[in-house]
Amino acid sequence: MRRLWETNPWLARNSCCLSILRPTAELVADLNAFRPSIVATYPTAAMMLAEQARAGRLRINPLEVWTGGEHLSAPMRRMIGQGLGAEVCNSYGASEFLPLAWECGHQRLHVNTDWVVLEAVDASHRPVAPGTVSYTTLLTNLANHVQPVIRFDIGDRVMYDA
C-alpha cells in the first residue's frame, strides 16, 4: 500500500492500512473512525470483523469486502457478507505477482492472462489435466521487464476447471 500511496497521492488521502496484528479493540476503533467503503483483508480477519459487527462493536457499512491470501469457503463468505452487510469478492495473488486472478460474478477466479502465465503442474513440472489439483504451480510474470520471473515455483496447489 505504501508504494501505491507514493505513486498515487490521491489514494493515500482516501485509504488507510491497518495491521490485523493490533489489538481487536484498537482495530475496530480505527475502522469505525475511518468508515471504509471497501475493506481488503484475509478471510479469517474478515470473519473476525464480521463477528465484531454482529456484536455491535464495529459500525461500518462497506459496499464490498475484498479477500485474498487464504482459502475463502462458502460458509465464510456468507458469514462475512451477512456480518458486514457487504458483497464479498475474492482474489488470488502471490508476492511475486499480486493480481494473479480476480473473481467474477459467479464466484469463479479468472487468471489475469494478459500479465501472467500460471501453470498447474505435477511433481515433475508437467501440466496436470483440468479438474486435477496440481502438485505445485509455476508462475511467469509477463509484466516485469526489469527482473523477469519465468516458471517460478510458487508452491501453491491449484485446479483449473474442466
Protein backbone atom coordinates (compact mmCIF):
# COMPACT_ATOMS: atom_id res chain seq x y z
CA MET A 1 0.00 0.00 0.00
CA ARG A 2 2.74 2.42 0.87
CA ARG A 3 4.31 2.02 -2.59
CA LEU A 4 0.93 2.71 -4.19
CA TRP A 5 0.49 5.78 -1.99
CA GLU A 6 3.84 7.19 -3.20
CA THR A 7 2.82 6.98 -6.84
CA ASN A 8 -0.86 7.89 -6.28
CA PRO A 9 -1.19 10.66 -3.66
CA TRP A 10 -4.99 10.73 -4.04
CA LEU A 11 -5.04 7.10 -2.91
CA ALA A 12 -3.09 7.95 0.23
CA ARG A 13 -5.70 10.57 1.16
CA ASN A 14 -8.58 8.14 0.68
CA SER A 15 -7.28 4.89 2.17
CA CYS A 16 -5.61 3.54 5.26
CA CYS A 17 -3.61 0.46 6.09
CA LEU A 18 -4.24 -1.17 9.47
CA SER A 19 -2.41 -4.17 10.89
CA ILE A 20 -4.52 -7.20 11.78
CA LEU A 21 -1.93 -7.88 14.48
CA ARG A 22 -3.13 -4.91 16.53
CA PRO A 23 -5.49 -5.46 19.46
CA THR A 24 -9.00 -6.01 18.13
CA ALA A 25 -10.49 -3.10 20.09
CA GLU A 26 -7.96 -0.66 18.57
CA LEU A 27 -8.52 -2.02 15.06
CA VAL A 28 -12.30 -1.71 15.46
CA ALA A 29 -11.99 1.85 16.79
CA ASP A 30 -9.81 2.86 13.83
CA LEU A 31 -12.19 1.28 11.33
CA ASN A 32 -15.17 2.98 12.99
CA ALA A 33 -13.37 6.32 12.69
CA PHE A 34 -12.28 5.78 9.06
CA ARG A 35 -15.58 4.26 7.86
CA PRO A 36 -14.21 2.50 4.76
CA SER A 37 -16.37 1.80 1.73
CA ILE A 38 -14.14 -1.17 0.86
CA VAL A 39 -12.31 -3.49 3.25
CA ALA A 40 -9.47 -5.62 1.85
CA THR A 41 -8.13 -8.33 4.13
CA TYR A 42 -7.63 -12.04 4.73
CA PRO A 43 -10.80 -14.17 5.04
CA THR A 44 -10.02 -15.03 8.68
CA ALA A 45 -9.62 -11.33 9.53
CA ALA A 46 -12.86 -10.54 7.70
CA MET A 47 -14.57 -13.23 9.80
CA MET A 48 -13.31 -11.54 12.97
CA LEU A 49 -14.57 -8.17 11.71
CA ALA A 50 -17.96 -9.70 10.88
CA GLU A 51 -18.17 -11.05 14.44
CA GLN A 52 -17.33 -7.59 15.80
CA ALA A 53 -20.07 -6.09 13.62
CA ARG A 54 -22.65 -8.67 14.76
CA ALA A 55 -21.72 -7.86 18.37
CA GLY A 56 -22.36 -4.16 17.66
CA ARG A 57 -18.77 -3.02 18.23
CA LEU A 58 -17.83 -2.49 14.57
CA ARG A 59 -20.14 0.07 12.96
CA ILE A 60 -19.07 0.35 9.33
CA ASN A 61 -21.08 -0.13 6.15
CA PRO A 62 -18.66 -1.20 3.42
CA LEU A 63 -20.01 -1.81 -0.05
CA GLU A 64 -17.52 -4.61 -0.65
CA VAL A 65 -15.12 -6.81 1.28
CA TRP A 66 -12.14 -7.98 -0.78
CA THR A 67 -10.46 -11.11 0.48
CA GLY A 68 -7.32 -12.95 -0.53
CA GLY A 69 -4.28 -14.74 0.79
CA GLU A 70 -6.24 -17.65 2.26
CA HIS A 71 -8.99 -20.04 1.24
CA LEU A 72 -12.46 -18.46 1.34
CA SER A 73 -15.08 -21.15 1.91
CA ALA A 74 -18.77 -20.71 1.08
CA PRO A 75 -19.78 -20.60 4.79
CA MET A 76 -17.09 -17.98 5.46
CA ARG A 77 -18.32 -15.91 2.50
CA ARG A 78 -21.90 -15.99 3.85
CA MET A 79 -20.86 -15.08 7.40
CA ILE A 80 -18.66 -12.20 6.23
CA GLY A 81 -21.32 -10.89 3.83
CA GLN A 82 -24.08 -11.07 6.42
CA GLY A 83 -21.97 -9.72 9.28
CA LEU A 84 -20.65 -6.73 7.37
CA GLY A 85 -23.66 -6.28 5.09
CA ALA A 86 -21.43 -6.22 2.02
CA GLU A 87 -20.66 -8.13 -1.13
CA VAL A 88 -17.62 -10.37 -0.68
CA CYS A 89 -15.12 -10.51 -3.58
CA ASN A 90 -12.22 -12.92 -3.59
CA SER A 91 -8.84 -12.69 -5.34
CA TYR A 92 -5.71 -14.78 -5.72
CA GLY A 93 -2.21 -13.40 -5.66
CA ALA A 94 1.38 -14.07 -4.68
CA SER A 95 4.29 -11.94 -3.53
CA GLU A 96 5.81 -12.37 -6.99
CA PHE A 97 2.63 -11.09 -8.67
CA LEU A 98 -0.29 -9.74 -6.65
CA PRO A 99 -3.23 -9.78 -9.07
CA LEU A 100 -2.97 -13.38 -10.34
CA ALA A 101 -6.72 -13.92 -10.53
CA TRP A 102 -9.91 -11.99 -9.82
CA GLU A 103 -13.36 -13.29 -9.07
CA CYS A 104 -16.28 -12.85 -11.45
CA GLY A 105 -19.96 -12.53 -10.53
CA HIS A 106 -20.25 -16.34 -10.50
CA GLN A 107 -17.60 -16.56 -7.75
CA ARG A 108 -15.05 -18.13 -10.10
CA LEU A 109 -11.45 -16.96 -10.21
CA HIS A 110 -10.10 -15.92 -13.62
CA VAL A 111 -6.35 -15.72 -14.20
CA ASN A 112 -5.07 -12.36 -15.42
CA THR A 113 -3.60 -13.96 -18.56
CA ASP A 114 -2.58 -10.64 -20.13
CA TRP A 115 0.02 -10.26 -17.40
CA VAL A 116 0.86 -13.71 -16.07
CA VAL A 117 1.18 -17.36 -17.07
CA LEU A 118 0.08 -19.68 -14.29
CA GLU A 119 0.80 -23.38 -14.81
CA ALA A 120 -0.82 -26.13 -12.74
CA VAL A 121 1.77 -28.94 -12.74
CA ASP A 122 2.66 -32.30 -11.18
CA ALA A 123 5.81 -33.05 -9.14
CA SER A 124 7.86 -33.29 -12.38
CA HIS A 125 6.55 -29.88 -13.56
CA ARG A 126 4.37 -31.45 -16.26
CA PRO A 127 0.90 -29.94 -16.82
CA VAL A 128 -1.99 -31.59 -14.99
CA ALA A 129 -5.36 -32.11 -16.63
CA PRO A 130 -8.21 -29.68 -15.96
CA GLY A 131 -10.15 -30.78 -12.88
CA THR A 132 -6.96 -32.14 -11.22
CA VAL A 133 -5.39 -30.45 -8.21
CA SER A 134 -1.80 -29.58 -9.03
CA TYR A 135 1.22 -30.64 -7.01
CA THR A 136 2.54 -27.09 -7.38
CA THR A 137 2.16 -24.01 -9.57
CA LEU A 138 4.64 -22.28 -11.86
CA LEU A 139 4.37 -18.54 -12.40
CA THR A 140 5.72 -16.44 -15.25
CA ASN A 141 5.30 -12.68 -14.78
CA LEU A 142 4.79 -11.08 -18.20
CA ALA A 143 4.64 -7.54 -16.78
CA ASN A 144 8.01 -7.35 -15.03
CA HIS A 145 10.56 -6.29 -17.65
CA VAL A 146 13.18 -5.30 -15.06
CA GLN A 147 13.51 -8.62 -13.27
CA PRO A 148 11.68 -11.37 -15.17
CA VAL A 149 10.14 -14.22 -13.22
CA ILE A 150 9.93 -17.26 -15.50
CA ARG A 151 8.33 -20.55 -14.45
CA PHE A 152 8.95 -19.79 -10.77
CA ASP A 153 7.59 -22.48 -8.44
CA ILE A 154 5.29 -20.64 -6.01
CA GLY A 155 4.28 -23.84 -4.20
CA ASP A 156 0.52 -23.28 -4.44
CA ARG A 157 -1.87 -26.11 -5.28
CA VAL A 158 -4.48 -25.01 -7.80
CA MET A 159 -7.09 -26.61 -10.02
CA TYR A 160 -8.33 -25.35 -13.35
CA ASP A 161 -11.94 -26.09 -14.23
CA ALA A 162 -12.63 -28.95 -16.60
